[in-house]
Amino acid sequence: MNQHGIEPLLNEEQIRGRVGELAAEISEKYKDVDEVLLVGVLRGAFIFLADLSRQLTITRRVDFIALASYPDGSERADAVRLIMDLRSDIRDRHVLIVEDIVDTGYTLEYLMKSLSARRPASLRSCVLVRKPSRHRVPVSIDYLGFEIPDLWVVGYGLDYADQHRTLPYIGVLDTG
């Protein structure tokens, strides 16, 4: 346990290494493409997106999208709403969604359907961590950093009540 009351799960070296591997895979996949648009899902993906983008060897641009779910129970658990849309037109462009975490899968499912309707040349996803035991809908993840157990994790963009996002590692928060 560290000074924040957080038990480390993935350290800086593990994350840096895996992000480098993902960047190499993505660079290889898109090596014959003029440009890739990286779409970061705010707010959690900002650190992952920055580190990933800096390690890519392909031409890329970055844009952001922000979504929210309805955690208070007043809406369906799978309801996702758009808070901030992309500034870029994605028609006929190669798009890579960069997401911090896939839990139930509702957010990524919404994004894939929504962005697919805009007719990109290709649409893929890159996710830092996923909790397979929490999936409620099937979603395809093209590039995955880590599978983790069903624990509340923070750091490296992930938060709890908007805290701990900037920790350089991913750790388990005791919320009890």
C-alpha atoms as a PDB file:
ATOM      1  CA  MET A   1       0.000   0.000   0.000  1.00  0.00           C
ATOM      2  CA  ASN A   2       1.401   3.436  -0.878  1.00  0.00           C
ATOM      3  CA  GLN A   3       0.857   6.904   0.585  1.00  0.00           C
ATOM      4  CA  HIS A   4      -2.459   7.266  -1.296  1.00  0.00           C
ATOM      5  CA  GLY A   5      -3.940   4.068   0.185  1.00  0.00           C
ATOM      6  CA  ILE A   6      -3.679   2.464  -3.239  1.00  0.00           C
ATOM      7  CA  GLU A   7      -2.281  -1.001  -3.901  1.00  0.00           C
ATOM      8  CA  PRO A   8      -0.234  -0.973  -7.137  1.00  0.00           C
ATOM      9  CA  LEU A   9      -1.572  -3.310  -9.841  1.00  0.00           C
ATOM     10  CA  LEU A  10       0.428  -2.249 -12.928  1.00  0.00           C
ATOM     11  CA  ASN A  11       3.646  -0.300 -12.433  1.00  0.00           C
ATOM     12  CA  GLU A  12       5.100   2.402 -14.681  1.00  0.00           C
ATOM     13  CA  GLU A  13       7.506   0.009 -16.383  1.00  0.00           C
ATOM     14  CA  GLN A  14       4.770  -2.501 -17.226  1.00  0.00           C
ATOM     15  CA  ILE A  15       2.555   0.223 -18.657  1.00  0.00           C
ATOM     16  CA  ARG A  16       5.370   1.871 -20.629  1.00  0.00           C
ATOM     17  CA  GLY A  17       6.389  -1.494 -22.096  1.00  0.00           C
ATOM     18  CA  ARG A  18       2.871  -2.461 -23.131  1.00  0.00           C
ATOM     19  CA  VAL A  19       2.128   0.973 -24.599  1.00  0.00           C
ATOM     20  CA  GLY A  20       5.300   0.601 -26.686  1.00  0.00           C
ATOM     21  CA  GLU A  21       4.149  -2.813 -27.917  1.00  0.00           C
ATOM     22  CA  LEU A  22       0.719  -1.428 -28.807  1.00  0.00           C
ATOM     23  CA  ALA A  23       2.308   1.493 -30.669  1.00  0.00           C
ATOM     24  CA  ALA A  24       4.447  -0.929 -32.684  1.00  0.00           C
ATOM     25  CA  GLU A  25       1.401  -3.086 -33.564  1.00  0.00           C
ATOM     26  CA  ILE A  26      -0.670  -0.070 -34.560  1.00  0.00           C
ATOM     27  CA  SER A  27       2.183   1.479 -36.558  1.00  0.00           C
ATOM     28  CA  GLU A  28       2.607  -1.790 -38.464  1.00  0.00           C
ATOM     29  CA  LYS A  29      -1.133  -2.080 -39.166  1.00  0.00           C
ATOM     30  CA  TYR A  30      -1.404   1.481 -40.493  1.00  0.00           C
ATOM     31  CA  LYS A  31       2.011   1.760 -42.204  1.00  0.00           C
ATOM     32  CA  ASP A  32       0.441   2.030 -45.682  1.00  0.00           C
ATOM     33  CA  VAL A  33      -2.216   4.562 -44.657  1.00  0.00           C
ATOM     34  CA  ASP A  34      -1.745   8.301 -45.221  1.00  0.00           C
ATOM     35  CA  GLU A  35      -3.001   9.286 -41.778  1.00  0.00           C
ATOM     36  CA  VAL A  36      -4.818   7.913 -38.737  1.00  0.00           C
ATOM     37  CA  LEU A  37      -7.144   9.943 -36.547  1.00  0.00           C
ATOM     38  CA  LEU A  38      -6.737   9.004 -32.894  1.00  0.00           C
ATOM     39  CA  VAL A  39      -9.955   9.696 -31.002  1.00  0.00           C
ATOM     40  CA  GLY A  40      -9.327  10.003 -27.275  1.00  0.00           C
ATOM     41  CA  VAL A  41     -12.277   9.405 -24.991  1.00  0.00           C
ATOM     42  CA  LEU A  42     -12.219  12.085 -22.313  1.00  0.00           C
ATOM     43  CA  ARG A  43     -11.271  12.297 -19.625  1.00  0.00           C
ATOM     44  CA  GLY A  44      -9.732   8.989 -18.746  1.00  0.00           C
ATOM     45  CA  ALA A  45      -7.768   8.304 -21.927  1.00  0.00           C
ATOM     46  CA  PHE A  46      -5.717  11.509 -22.040  1.00  0.00           C
ATOM     47  CA  ILE A  47      -2.504  10.099 -20.528  1.00  0.00           C
ATOM     48  CA  PHE A  48      -2.714   6.826 -22.434  1.00  0.00           C
ATOM     49  CA  LEU A  49      -3.423   8.685 -25.682  1.00  0.00           C
ATOM     50  CA  ALA A  50      -0.477  11.054 -25.180  1.00  0.00           C
ATOM     51  CA  ASP A  51       1.980   8.255 -24.443  1.00  0.00           C
ATOM     52  CA  LEU A  52       0.678   6.053 -27.254  1.00  0.00           C
ATOM     53  CA  SER A  53       0.702   8.884 -29.788  1.00  0.00           C
ATOM     54  CA  ARG A  54       4.304   9.813 -29.018  1.00  0.00           C
ATOM     55  CA  GLN A  55       5.449   6.261 -29.697  1.00  0.00           C
ATOM     56  CA  LEU A  56       3.647   5.808 -33.007  1.00  0.00           C
ATOM     57  CA  THR A  57       5.759   5.939 -36.167  1.00  0.00           C
ATOM     58  CA  ILE A  58       2.850   6.739 -38.472  1.00  0.00           C
ATOM     59  CA  THR A  59       1.249  10.028 -39.455  1.00  0.00           C
ATOM     60  CA  ARG A  60      -1.565  10.792 -37.040  1.00  0.00           C
ATOM     61  CA  ARG A  61      -3.860  13.491 -35.790  1.00  0.00           C
ATOM     62  CA  VAL A  62      -5.668  13.645 -32.480  1.00  0.00           C
ATOM     63  CA  ASP A  63      -9.220  14.574 -31.622  1.00  0.00           C
ATOM     64  CA  PHE A  64     -11.352  14.056 -28.530  1.00  0.00           C
ATOM     65  CA  ILE A  65     -14.857  12.999 -27.663  1.00  0.00           C
ATOM     66  CA  ALA A  66     -16.541  13.070 -24.256  1.00  0.00           C
ATOM     67  CA  LEU A  67     -19.349  10.808 -23.131  1.00  0.00           C
ATOM     68  CA  ALA A  68     -21.280  10.266 -19.920  1.00  0.00           C
ATOM     69  CA  SER A  69     -23.406   7.478 -18.568  1.00  0.00           C
ATOM     70  CA  TYR A  70     -26.246   7.800 -16.111  1.00  0.00           C
ATOM     71  CA  PRO A  71     -24.894   6.463 -12.808  1.00  0.00           C
ATOM     72  CA  ASP A  72     -27.710   7.732 -10.594  1.00  0.00           C
ATOM     73  CA  GLY A  73     -30.227   5.107 -11.648  1.00  0.00           C
ATOM     74  CA  SER A  74     -32.596   7.687 -13.138  1.00  0.00           C
ATOM     75  CA  GLU A  75     -31.902   6.326 -16.606  1.00  0.00           C
ATOM     76  CA  ARG A  76     -31.156   2.873 -17.981  1.00  0.00           C
ATOM     77  CA  ALA A  77     -27.793   1.507 -16.867  1.00  0.00           C
ATOM     78  CA  ASP A  78     -26.723   1.204 -20.505  1.00  0.00           C
ATOM     79  CA  ALA A  79     -27.614   4.798 -21.439  1.00  0.00           C
ATOM     80  CA  VAL A  80     -24.698   6.785 -22.815  1.00  0.00           C
ATOM     81  CA  ARG A  81     -24.903  10.415 -23.831  1.00  0.00           C
ATOM     82  CA  LEU A  82     -22.608  12.621 -25.866  1.00  0.00           C
ATOM     83  CA  ILE A  83     -21.093  15.527 -23.916  1.00  0.00           C
ATOM     84  CA  MET A  84     -18.567  16.769 -26.498  1.00  0.00           C
ATOM     85  CA  ASP A  85     -18.383  15.669 -30.112  1.00  0.00           C
ATOM     86  CA  LEU A  86     -15.413  15.399 -32.426  1.00  0.00           C
ATOM     87  CA  ARG A  87     -14.203  18.519 -34.191  1.00  0.00           C
ATOM     88  CA  SER A  88     -13.108  16.449 -37.196  1.00  0.00           C
ATOM     89  CA  ASP A  89     -15.144  14.981 -40.018  1.00  0.00           C
ATOM     90  CA  ILE A  90     -14.238  11.291 -40.056  1.00  0.00           C
ATOM     91  CA  ARG A  91     -15.792  10.290 -43.377  1.00  0.00           C
ATOM     92  CA  ASP A  92     -13.290   8.201 -45.376  1.00  0.00           C
ATOM     93  CA  ARG A  93     -10.653   8.537 -42.640  1.00  0.00           C
ATOM     94  CA  HIS A  94      -8.948   5.803 -40.656  1.00  0.00           C
ATOM     95  CA  VAL A  95     -10.116   6.183 -37.053  1.00  0.00           C
ATOM     96  CA  LEU A  96      -8.694   4.591 -33.932  1.00  0.00           C
ATOM     97  CA  ILE A  97     -10.710   5.044 -30.738  1.00  0.00           C
ATOM     98  CA  VAL A  98      -8.394   5.281 -27.723  1.00  0.00           C
ATOM     99  CA  GLU A  99     -10.195   4.380 -24.496  1.00  0.00           C
ATOM    100  CA  ASP A 100      -8.922   3.991 -20.942  1.00  0.00           C
ATOM    101  CA  ILE A 101     -11.176   1.170 -19.746  1.00  0.00           C
ATOM    102  CA  VAL A 102     -13.888  -1.171 -20.942  1.00  0.00           C
ATOM    103  CA  ASP A 103     -16.078  -2.251 -18.100  1.00  0.00           C
ATOM    104  CA  THR A 104     -19.631  -3.136 -19.185  1.00  0.00           C
ATOM    105  CA  GLY A 105     -18.880  -2.334 -22.827  1.00  0.00           C
ATOM    106  CA  TYR A 106     -21.790   0.081 -23.248  1.00  0.00           C
ATOM    107  CA  THR A 107     -19.605   3.116 -23.920  1.00  0.00           C
ATOM    108  CA  LEU A 108     -17.448   1.433 -26.545  1.00  0.00           C
ATOM    109  CA  GLU A 109     -20.513  -0.126 -28.162  1.00  0.00           C
ATOM    110  CA  TYR A 110     -22.124   3.328 -28.376  1.00  0.00           C
ATOM    111  CA  LEU A 111     -18.957   4.843 -29.841  1.00  0.00           C
ATOM    112  CA  MET A 112     -18.496   2.133 -32.450  1.00  0.00           C
ATOM    113  CA  LYS A 113     -22.108   2.446 -33.636  1.00  0.00           C
ATOM    114  CA  SER A 114     -22.100   6.234 -33.559  1.00  0.00           C
ATOM    115  CA  LEU A 115     -18.793   6.705 -35.356  1.00  0.00           C
ATOM    116  CA  SER A 116     -19.444   3.886 -37.823  1.00  0.00           C
ATOM    117  CA  ALA A 117     -22.539   5.762 -39.021  1.00  0.00           C
ATOM    118  CA  ARG A 118     -20.236   8.602 -40.075  1.00  0.00           C
ATOM    119  CA  ARG A 119     -18.630   6.308 -42.655  1.00  0.00           C
ATOM    120  CA  PRO A 120     -14.946   6.237 -41.756  1.00  0.00           C
ATOM    121  CA  ALA A 121     -12.580   4.286 -44.025  1.00  0.00           C
ATOM    122  CA  SER A 122     -11.843   2.068 -41.011  1.00  0.00           C
ATOM    123  CA  LEU A 123     -12.776   2.093 -37.346  1.00  0.00           C
ATOM    124  CA  ARG A 124     -10.820   0.254 -34.680  1.00  0.00           C
ATOM    125  CA  SER A 125     -10.348   0.475 -30.935  1.00  0.00           C
ATOM    126  CA  CYS A 126      -7.388   0.552 -28.596  1.00  0.00           C
ATOM    127  CA  VAL A 127      -8.154   0.050 -24.906  1.00  0.00           C
ATOM    128  CA  LEU A 128      -5.737   0.288 -22.006  1.00  0.00           C
ATOM    129  CA  VAL A 129      -7.568  -2.061 -19.602  1.00  0.00           C
ATOM    130  CA  ARG A 130     -10.689  -4.172 -19.630  1.00  0.00           C
ATOM    131  CA  LYS A 131     -12.589  -6.079 -16.994  1.00  0.00           C
ATOM    132  CA  PRO A 132     -13.965  -9.122 -18.841  1.00  0.00           C
ATOM    133  CA  SER A 133     -16.098 -10.218 -15.892  1.00  0.00           C
ATOM    134  CA  ARG A 134     -18.099  -6.964 -16.105  1.00  0.00           C
ATOM    135  CA  HIS A 135     -18.987  -7.095 -19.822  1.00  0.00           C
ATOM    136  CA  ARG A 136     -22.705  -6.747 -20.486  1.00  0.00           C
ATOM    137  CA  VAL A 137     -22.507  -6.353 -24.261  1.00  0.00           C
ATOM    138  CA  PRO A 138     -20.066  -7.933 -26.692  1.00  0.00           C
ATOM    139  CA  VAL A 139     -17.545  -5.416 -27.964  1.00  0.00           C
ATOM    140  CA  SER A 140     -14.550  -5.970 -30.167  1.00  0.00           C
ATOM    141  CA  ILE A 141     -11.255  -4.539 -28.987  1.00  0.00           C
ATOM    142  CA  ASP A 142      -8.584  -4.453 -31.665  1.00  0.00           C
ATOM    143  CA  TYR A 143      -5.665  -3.473 -29.438  1.00  0.00           C
ATOM    144  CA  LEU A 144      -5.734  -4.254 -25.714  1.00  0.00           C
ATOM    145  CA  GLY A 145      -3.246  -3.254 -23.072  1.00  0.00           C
ATOM    146  CA  PHE A 146      -4.243  -5.389 -20.088  1.00  0.00           C
ATOM    147  CA  GLU A 147      -7.056  -7.548 -18.759  1.00  0.00           C
ATOM    148  CA  ILE A 148      -7.691  -6.916 -15.094  1.00  0.00           C
ATOM    149  CA  PRO A 149      -9.972  -8.352 -12.409  1.00  0.00           C
ATOM    150  CA  ASP A 150     -13.129  -6.588 -11.263  1.00  0.00           C
ATOM    151  CA  LEU A 151     -11.447  -4.076  -8.954  1.00  0.00           C
ATOM    152  CA  TRP A 152     -11.744  -0.291  -8.700  1.00  0.00           C
ATOM    153  CA  VAL A 153      -8.577   0.978 -10.381  1.00  0.00           C
ATOM    154  CA  VAL A 154      -7.122   4.473 -10.495  1.00  0.00           C
ATOM    155  CA  GLY A 155      -4.109   6.182 -11.980  1.00  0.00           C
ATOM    156  CA  TYR A 156      -2.760   6.683 -15.494  1.00  0.00           C
ATOM    157  CA  GLY A 157      -5.966   8.554 -16.393  1.00  0.00           C
ATOM    158  CA  LEU A 158      -8.390   6.404 -14.406  1.00  0.00           C
ATOM    159  CA  ASP A 159     -10.094   8.104 -11.489  1.00  0.00           C
ATOM    160  CA  TYR A 160     -12.301   7.767  -8.458  1.00  0.00           C
ATOM    161  CA  ALA A 161     -14.469  10.855  -7.875  1.00  0.00           C
ATOM    162  CA  ASP A 162     -12.101  12.749 -10.190  1.00  0.00           C
ATOM    163  CA  GLN A 163      -9.079  11.958  -8.008  1.00  0.00           C
ATOM    164  CA  HIS A 164      -5.883   9.944  -8.594  1.00  0.00           C
ATOM    165  CA  ARG A 165      -5.949  10.386 -12.401  1.00  0.00           C
ATOM    166  CA  THR A 166      -2.365  11.591 -12.624  1.00  0.00           C
ATOM    167  CA  LEU A 167      -0.686   8.752 -10.761  1.00  0.00           C
ATOM    168  CA  PRO A 168       2.009   7.274 -13.036  1.00  0.00           C
ATOM    169  CA  TYR A 169       0.833   3.692 -12.409  1.00  0.00           C
ATOM    170  CA  ILE A 170      -2.486   1.834 -12.121  1.00  0.00           C
ATOM    171  CA  GLY A 171      -3.500   0.805  -8.649  1.00  0.00           C
ATOM    172  CA  VAL A 172      -6.399  -0.692  -6.765  1.00  0.00           C
ATOM    173  CA  LEU A 173      -8.348   1.698  -4.574  1.00  0.00           C
ATOM    174  CA  ASP A 174     -10.009   0.399  -1.448  1.00  0.00           C
ATOM    175  CA  THR A 175     -13.438   2.039  -1.706  1.00  0.00           C
ATOM    176  CA  GLY A 176     -14.837   0.178   1.299  1.00  0.00           C
END
